[in-house]
PDB file of all heavy atoms in Angstrom:
ATOM      1  N   ILE A   1       0.804  -1.217  -0.020  1.00  0.00           N
ATOM      2  CA  ILE A   1       0.014   0.026   0.051  1.00  0.00           C
ATOM      3  C   ILE A   1       0.900   1.239   0.052  1.00  0.00           C
ATOM      4  O   ILE A   1       0.609   2.252  -0.703  1.00  0.00           O
ATOM      5  CB  ILE A   1      -0.854   0.013   1.254  1.00  0.00           C
ATOM      6  CG1 ILE A   1      -1.998  -1.156   1.078  1.00  0.00           C
ATOM      7  CG2 ILE A   1      -1.641   1.251   1.354  1.00  0.00           C
ATOM      8  CD1 ILE A   1      -2.784  -1.376   2.342  1.00  0.00           C
ATOM      9  N   TYR A   2       1.919   1.256   0.757  1.00  0.00           N
ATOM     10  CA  TYR A   2       2.843   2.446   0.767  1.00  0.00           C
ATOM     11  C   TYR A   2       3.415   2.684  -0.527  1.00  0.00           C
ATOM     12  O   TYR A   2       3.496   3.837  -1.024  1.00  0.00           O
ATOM     13  CB  TYR A   2       3.950   2.231   1.869  1.00  0.00           C
ATOM     14  CG  TYR A   2       5.053   3.118   1.691  1.00  0.00           C
ATOM     15  CD1 TYR A   2       4.958   4.446   2.418  1.00  0.00           C
ATOM     16  CD2 TYR A   2       6.219   2.947   1.111  1.00  0.00           C
ATOM     17  CE1 TYR A   2       5.854   5.396   2.239  1.00  0.00           C
ATOM     18  CE2 TYR A   2       7.196   3.894   0.974  1.00  0.00           C
ATOM     19  CZ  TYR A   2       7.005   5.097   1.554  1.00  0.00           C
ATOM     20  OH  TYR A   2       8.144   6.115   1.383  1.00  0.00           O
ATOM     21  N   ALA A   3       3.954   1.592  -1.139  1.00  0.00           N
ATOM     22  CA  ALA A   3       4.649   1.792  -2.556  1.00  0.00           C
ATOM     23  C   ALA A   3       3.538   2.383  -3.530  1.00  0.00           C
ATOM     24  O   ALA A   3       3.796   3.208  -4.339  1.00  0.00           O
ATOM     25  CB  ALA A   3       5.127   0.482  -2.938  1.00  0.00           C
ATOM     26  N   MET A   4       2.351   1.878  -3.495  1.00  0.00           N
ATOM     27  CA  MET A   4       1.343   2.389  -4.515  1.00  0.00           C
ATOM     28  C   MET A   4       0.970   3.814  -4.223  1.00  0.00           C
ATOM     29  O   MET A   4       0.789   4.580  -5.131  1.00  0.00           O
ATOM     30  CB  MET A   4       0.012   1.505  -4.384  1.00  0.00           C
ATOM     31  CG  MET A   4       0.117   0.030  -4.782  1.00  0.00           C
ATOM     32  SD  MET A   4       0.613   0.006  -6.600  1.00  0.00           S
ATOM     33  CE  MET A   4       1.887  -1.193  -6.541  1.00  0.00           C
ATOM     34  N   ALA A   5       0.940   4.121  -2.913  1.00  0.00           N
ATOM     35  CA  ALA A   5       0.552   5.503  -2.562  1.00  0.00           C
ATOM     36  C   ALA A   5       1.669   6.511  -2.929  1.00  0.00           C
ATOM     37  O   ALA A   5       1.544   7.598  -3.491  1.00  0.00           O
ATOM     38  CB  ALA A   5       0.339   5.634  -1.010  1.00  0.00           C
ATOM     39  N   MET A   6       2.930   6.027  -2.805  1.00  0.00           N
ATOM     40  CA  MET A   6       4.155   6.869  -3.164  1.00  0.00           C
ATOM     41  C   MET A   6       4.094   7.095  -4.709  1.00  0.00           C
ATOM     42  O   MET A   6       4.397   8.224  -5.105  1.00  0.00           O
ATOM     43  CB  MET A   6       5.362   6.080  -2.646  1.00  0.00           C
ATOM     44  CG  MET A   6       6.603   7.058  -2.714  1.00  0.00           C
ATOM     45  SD  MET A   6       6.451   8.274  -1.542  1.00  0.00           S
ATOM     46  CE  MET A   6       7.835   9.295  -2.148  1.00  0.00           C
ATOM     47  N   ARG A   7       3.866   6.058  -5.440  1.00  0.00           N
ATOM     48  CA  ARG A   7       3.812   6.157  -6.841  1.00  0.00           C
ATOM     49  C   ARG A   7       2.669   7.256  -7.304  1.00  0.00           C
ATOM     50  O   ARG A   7       2.975   8.028  -8.152  1.00  0.00           O
ATOM     51  CB  ARG A   7       3.581   4.910  -7.504  1.00  0.00           C
ATOM     52  CG  ARG A   7       4.670   3.828  -7.290  1.00  0.00           C
ATOM     53  CD  ARG A   7       4.207   2.439  -7.801  1.00  0.00           C
ATOM     54  NE  ARG A   7       5.233   1.414  -7.490  1.00  0.00           N
ATOM     55  CZ  ARG A   7       5.130   0.097  -7.678  1.00  0.00           C
ATOM     56  NH1 ARG A   7       4.057  -0.311  -8.347  1.00  0.00           N
ATOM     57  NH2 ARG A   7       6.005  -0.642  -7.325  1.00  0.00           N
ATOM     58  N   LEU A   8       1.510   7.000  -6.785  1.00  0.00           N
ATOM     59  CA  LEU A   8       0.405   7.853  -7.081  1.00  0.00           C
ATOM     60  C   LEU A   8       0.799   9.369  -6.745  1.00  0.00           C
ATOM     61  O   LEU A   8       0.473  10.254  -7.509  1.00  0.00           O
ATOM     62  CB  LEU A   8      -0.796   7.416  -6.362  1.00  0.00           C
ATOM     63  CG  LEU A   8      -2.193   8.002  -6.819  1.00  0.00           C
ATOM     64  CD1 LEU A   8      -2.390   7.681  -8.339  1.00  0.00           C
ATOM     65  CD2 LEU A   8      -3.255   7.509  -5.966  1.00  0.00           C
ATOM     66  N   ALA A   9       1.314   9.524  -5.534  1.00  0.00           N
ATOM     67  CA  ALA A   9       1.792  10.826  -5.063  1.00  0.00           C
ATOM     68  C   ALA A   9       2.665  11.556  -5.989  1.00  0.00           C
ATOM     69  O   ALA A   9       2.491  12.708  -6.330  1.00  0.00           O
ATOM     70  CB  ALA A   9       2.142  10.823  -3.668  1.00  0.00           C
ATOM     71  N   LEU A  10       3.748  10.845  -6.425  1.00  0.00           N
ATOM     72  CA  LEU A  10       4.692  11.427  -7.240  1.00  0.00           C
ATOM     73  C   LEU A  10       4.164  11.867  -8.599  1.00  0.00           C
ATOM     74  O   LEU A  10       4.417  12.904  -9.187  1.00  0.00           O
ATOM     75  CB  LEU A  10       5.956  10.421  -7.465  1.00  0.00           C
ATOM     76  CG  LEU A  10       6.867  10.179  -6.357  1.00  0.00           C
ATOM     77  CD1 LEU A  10       7.872   9.172  -6.628  1.00  0.00           C
ATOM     78  CD2 LEU A  10       7.536  11.493  -6.016  1.00  0.00           C
ATOM     79  N   ILE A  11       3.434  10.938  -9.248  1.00  0.00           N
ATOM     80  CA  ILE A  11       2.923  11.216 -10.587  1.00  0.00           C
ATOM     81  C   ILE A  11       1.878  12.303 -10.530  1.00  0.00           C
ATOM     82  O   ILE A  11       1.935  13.254 -11.315  1.00  0.00           O
ATOM     83  CB  ILE A  11       2.344   9.966 -11.194  1.00  0.00           C
ATOM     84  CG1 ILE A  11       3.495   8.870 -11.388  1.00  0.00           C
ATOM     85  CG2 ILE A  11       1.598  10.219 -12.529  1.00  0.00           C
ATOM     86  CD1 ILE A  11       3.041   7.512 -11.855  1.00  0.00           C
ATOM     87  N   LEU A  12       0.955  12.251  -9.572  1.00  0.00           N
ATOM     88  CA  LEU A  12      -0.162  13.289  -9.517  1.00  0.00           C
ATOM     89  C   LEU A  12       0.513  14.667  -9.120  1.00  0.00           C
ATOM     90  O   LEU A  12       0.046  15.688  -9.627  1.00  0.00           O
ATOM     91  CB  LEU A  12      -1.151  12.879  -8.448  1.00  0.00           C
ATOM     92  CG  LEU A  12      -2.012  11.714  -8.900  1.00  0.00           C
ATOM     93  CD1 LEU A  12      -3.114  11.374  -7.872  1.00  0.00           C
ATOM     94  CD2 LEU A  12      -2.691  11.987 -10.201  1.00  0.00           C
ATOM     95  N   GLY A  13       1.444  14.558  -8.270  1.00  0.00           N
ATOM     96  CA  GLY A  13       2.181  15.832  -7.932  1.00  0.00           C
ATOM     97  C   GLY A  13       2.887  16.543  -9.021  1.00  0.00           C
ATOM     98  O   GLY A  13       2.776  17.719  -9.275  1.00  0.00           O
ATOM     99  N   PHE A  14       3.452  15.749  -9.870  1.00  0.00           N
ATOM    100  CA  PHE A  14       4.251  16.328 -11.058  1.00  0.00           C
ATOM    101  C   PHE A  14       3.211  16.833 -12.072  1.00  0.00           C
ATOM    102  O   PHE A  14       3.376  17.884 -12.551  1.00  0.00           O
ATOM    103  CB  PHE A  14       5.129  15.198 -11.685  1.00  0.00           C
ATOM    104  CG  PHE A  14       6.020  15.665 -12.834  1.00  0.00           C
ATOM    105  CD1 PHE A  14       6.894  16.651 -12.674  1.00  0.00           C
ATOM    106  CD2 PHE A  14       5.740  15.172 -14.099  1.00  0.00           C
ATOM    107  CE1 PHE A  14       7.690  17.093 -13.735  1.00  0.00           C
ATOM    108  CE2 PHE A  14       6.491  15.600 -15.251  1.00  0.00           C
ATOM    109  CZ  PHE A  14       7.437  16.594 -15.006  1.00  0.00           C
ATOM    110  N   VAL A  15       2.231  16.062 -12.333  1.00  0.00           N
ATOM    111  CA  VAL A  15       1.156  16.465 -13.314  1.00  0.00           C
ATOM    112  C   VAL A  15       0.420  17.715 -12.820  1.00  0.00           C
ATOM    113  O   VAL A  15       0.086  18.598 -13.543  1.00  0.00           O
ATOM    114  CB  VAL A  15       0.236  15.309 -13.623  1.00  0.00           C
ATOM    115  CG1 VAL A  15      -0.888  15.765 -14.555  1.00  0.00           C
ATOM    116  CG2 VAL A  15       0.970  14.215 -14.321  1.00  0.00           C
ATOM    117  N   ALA A  16       0.142  17.712 -11.470  1.00  0.00           N
ATOM    118  CA  ALA A  16      -0.642  18.831 -10.951  1.00  0.00           C
ATOM    119  C   ALA A  16       0.175  20.135 -11.003  1.00  0.00           C
ATOM    120  O   ALA A  16      -0.291  21.159 -11.275  1.00  0.00           O
ATOM    121  CB  ALA A  16      -1.035  18.439  -9.401  1.00  0.00           C
ATOM    122  N   GLY A  17       1.515  20.042 -10.799  1.00  0.00           N
ATOM    123  CA  GLY A  17       2.360  21.180 -10.896  1.00  0.00           C
ATOM    124  C   GLY A  17       2.428  21.779 -12.226  1.00  0.00           C
ATOM    125  O   GLY A  17       2.269  23.096 -12.451  1.00  0.00           O
ATOM    126  N   ILE A  18       2.515  20.976 -13.227  1.00  0.00           N
ATOM    127  CA  ILE A  18       2.545  21.421 -14.618  1.00  0.00           C
ATOM    128  C   ILE A  18       1.064  22.035 -14.971  1.00  0.00           C
ATOM    129  O   ILE A  18       0.927  22.985 -15.680  1.00  0.00           O
ATOM    130  CB  ILE A  18       2.911  20.290 -15.635  1.00  0.00           C
ATOM    131  CG1 ILE A  18       4.259  19.788 -15.267  1.00  0.00           C
ATOM    132  CG2 ILE A  18       2.741  20.601 -17.007  1.00  0.00           C
ATOM    133  CD1 ILE A  18       4.775  18.703 -16.133  1.00  0.00           C
ATOM    134  N   TYR A  19      -0.029  21.239 -14.507  1.00  0.00           N
ATOM    135  CA  TYR A  19      -1.394  21.855 -14.845  1.00  0.00           C
ATOM    136  C   TYR A  19      -1.537  23.217 -14.270  1.00  0.00           C
ATOM    137  O   TYR A  19      -2.168  24.054 -14.941  1.00  0.00           O
ATOM    138  CB  TYR A  19      -2.282  20.788 -14.295  1.00  0.00           C
ATOM    139  CG  TYR A  19      -3.768  21.235 -14.412  1.00  0.00           C
ATOM    140  CD1 TYR A  19      -4.414  20.955 -15.676  1.00  0.00           C
ATOM    141  CD2 TYR A  19      -4.518  21.801 -13.325  1.00  0.00           C
ATOM    142  CE1 TYR A  19      -5.763  21.395 -15.891  1.00  0.00           C
ATOM    143  CE2 TYR A  19      -5.793  22.230 -13.504  1.00  0.00           C
ATOM    144  CZ  TYR A  19      -6.490  21.938 -14.834  1.00  0.00           C
ATOM    145  OH  TYR A  19      -7.772  22.277 -15.049  1.00  0.00           O
ATOM    146  N   VAL A  20      -1.056  23.474 -13.027  1.00  0.00           N
ATOM    147  CA  VAL A  20      -1.261  24.754 -12.428  1.00  0.00           C
ATOM    148  C   VAL A  20      -0.391  25.806 -13.242  1.00  0.00           C
ATOM    149  O   VAL A  20      -0.964  26.923 -13.504  1.00  0.00           O
ATOM    150  CB  VAL A  20      -0.783  24.744 -10.986  1.00  0.00           C
ATOM    151  CG1 VAL A  20      -0.593  26.223 -10.363  1.00  0.00           C
ATOM    152  CG2 VAL A  20      -1.665  23.878 -10.112  1.00  0.00           C
ATOM    153  N   LYS A  21       0.819  25.492 -13.711  1.00  0.00           N
ATOM    154  CA  LYS A  21       1.567  26.345 -14.571  1.00  0.00           C
ATOM    155  C   LYS A  21       0.864  26.849 -15.865  1.00  0.00           C
ATOM    156  O   LYS A  21       0.751  27.952 -16.305  1.00  0.00           O
ATOM    157  CB  LYS A  21       2.944  25.792 -14.914  1.00  0.00           C
ATOM    158  CG  LYS A  21       3.871  25.691 -13.631  1.00  0.00           C
ATOM    159  CD  LYS A  21       4.402  27.084 -13.201  1.00  0.00           C
ATOM    160  CE  LYS A  21       5.359  26.991 -12.151  1.00  0.00           C
ATOM    161  NZ  LYS A  21       5.807  28.277 -11.596  1.00  0.00           N
ATOM    162  N   LEU A  22       0.252  25.815 -16.526  1.00  0.00           N
ATOM    163  CA  LEU A  22      -0.368  25.911 -17.848  1.00  0.00           C
ATOM    164  C   LEU A  22      -1.653  26.741 -17.667  1.00  0.00           C
ATOM    165  O   LEU A  22      -2.066  27.586 -18.529  1.00  0.00           O
ATOM    166  CB  LEU A  22      -0.641  24.684 -18.546  1.00  0.00           C
ATOM    167  CG  LEU A  22       0.600  23.814 -18.927  1.00  0.00           C
ATOM    168  CD1 LEU A  22       0.175  22.405 -19.447  1.00  0.00           C
ATOM    169  CD2 LEU A  22       1.384  24.533 -19.905  1.00  0.00           C
ATOM    170  N   ASN A  23      -2.355  26.606 -16.658  1.00  0.00           N
ATOM    171  CA  ASN A  23      -3.653  27.261 -16.457  1.00  0.00           C
ATOM    172  C   ASN A  23      -3.550  28.722 -15.971  1.00  0.00           C
ATOM    173  O   ASN A  23      -4.516  29.430 -16.136  1.00  0.00           O
ATOM    174  CB  ASN A  23      -4.600  26.531 -15.404  1.00  0.00           C
ATOM    175  CG  ASN A  23      -5.288  25.312 -16.189  1.00  0.00           C
ATOM    176  OD1 ASN A  23      -5.131  25.069 -17.311  1.00  0.00           O
ATOM    177  ND2 ASN A  23      -6.021  24.531 -15.399  1.00  0.00           N
ATOM    178  N   ASP A  24      -2.472  29.057 -15.461  1.00  0.00           N
ATOM    179  CA  ASP A  24      -2.277  30.430 -15.006  1.00  0.00           C
ATOM    180  C   ASP A  24      -1.565  31.331 -16.063  1.00  0.00           C
ATOM    181  O   ASP A  24      -0.447  30.915 -16.424  1.00  0.00           O
ATOM    182  CB  ASP A  24      -1.460  30.529 -13.693  1.00  0.00           C
ATOM    183  CG  ASP A  24      -1.369  31.892 -13.019  1.00  0.00           C
ATOM    184  OD1 ASP A  24      -0.571  32.718 -13.620  1.00  0.00           O
ATOM    185  OD2 ASP A  24      -2.029  32.117 -12.114  1.00  0.00           O
ATOM    186  N   PRO A  25      -2.181  32.306 -16.664  1.00  0.00           N
ATOM    187  CA  PRO A  25      -1.490  32.975 -17.783  1.00  0.00           C
ATOM    188  C   PRO A  25      -0.262  33.596 -17.536  1.00  0.00           C
ATOM    189  O   PRO A  25       0.745  33.528 -18.250  1.00  0.00           O
ATOM    190  CB  PRO A  25      -2.567  33.997 -18.157  1.00  0.00           C
ATOM    191  CG  PRO A  25      -3.952  33.456 -17.643  1.00  0.00           C
ATOM    192  CD  PRO A  25      -3.534  32.721 -16.391  1.00  0.00           C
ATOM    193  N   GLN A  26      -0.090  34.198 -16.271  1.00  0.00           N
ATOM    194  CA  GLN A  26       1.149  34.767 -15.843  1.00  0.00           C
ATOM    195  C   GLN A  26       2.271  33.840 -15.732  1.00  0.00           C
ATOM    196  O   GLN A  26       3.408  33.980 -16.201  1.00  0.00           O
ATOM    197  CB  GLN A  26       1.006  35.671 -14.568  1.00  0.00           C
ATOM    198  CG  GLN A  26       2.176  36.435 -14.170  1.00  0.00           C
ATOM    199  CD  GLN A  26       1.894  37.185 -12.869  1.00  0.00           C
ATOM    200  OE1 GLN A  26       0.808  37.102 -12.289  1.00  0.00           O
ATOM    201  NE2 GLN A  26       2.857  37.874 -12.421  1.00  0.00           N
TER     202      GLN A  26
END
């Protein structure tokens, strides 16, 4: 369970950071 949660956190964190950058015009 820990390994699965760690994988999910890493991938979602990276994608979420890029998504925030793309959605903010500035």
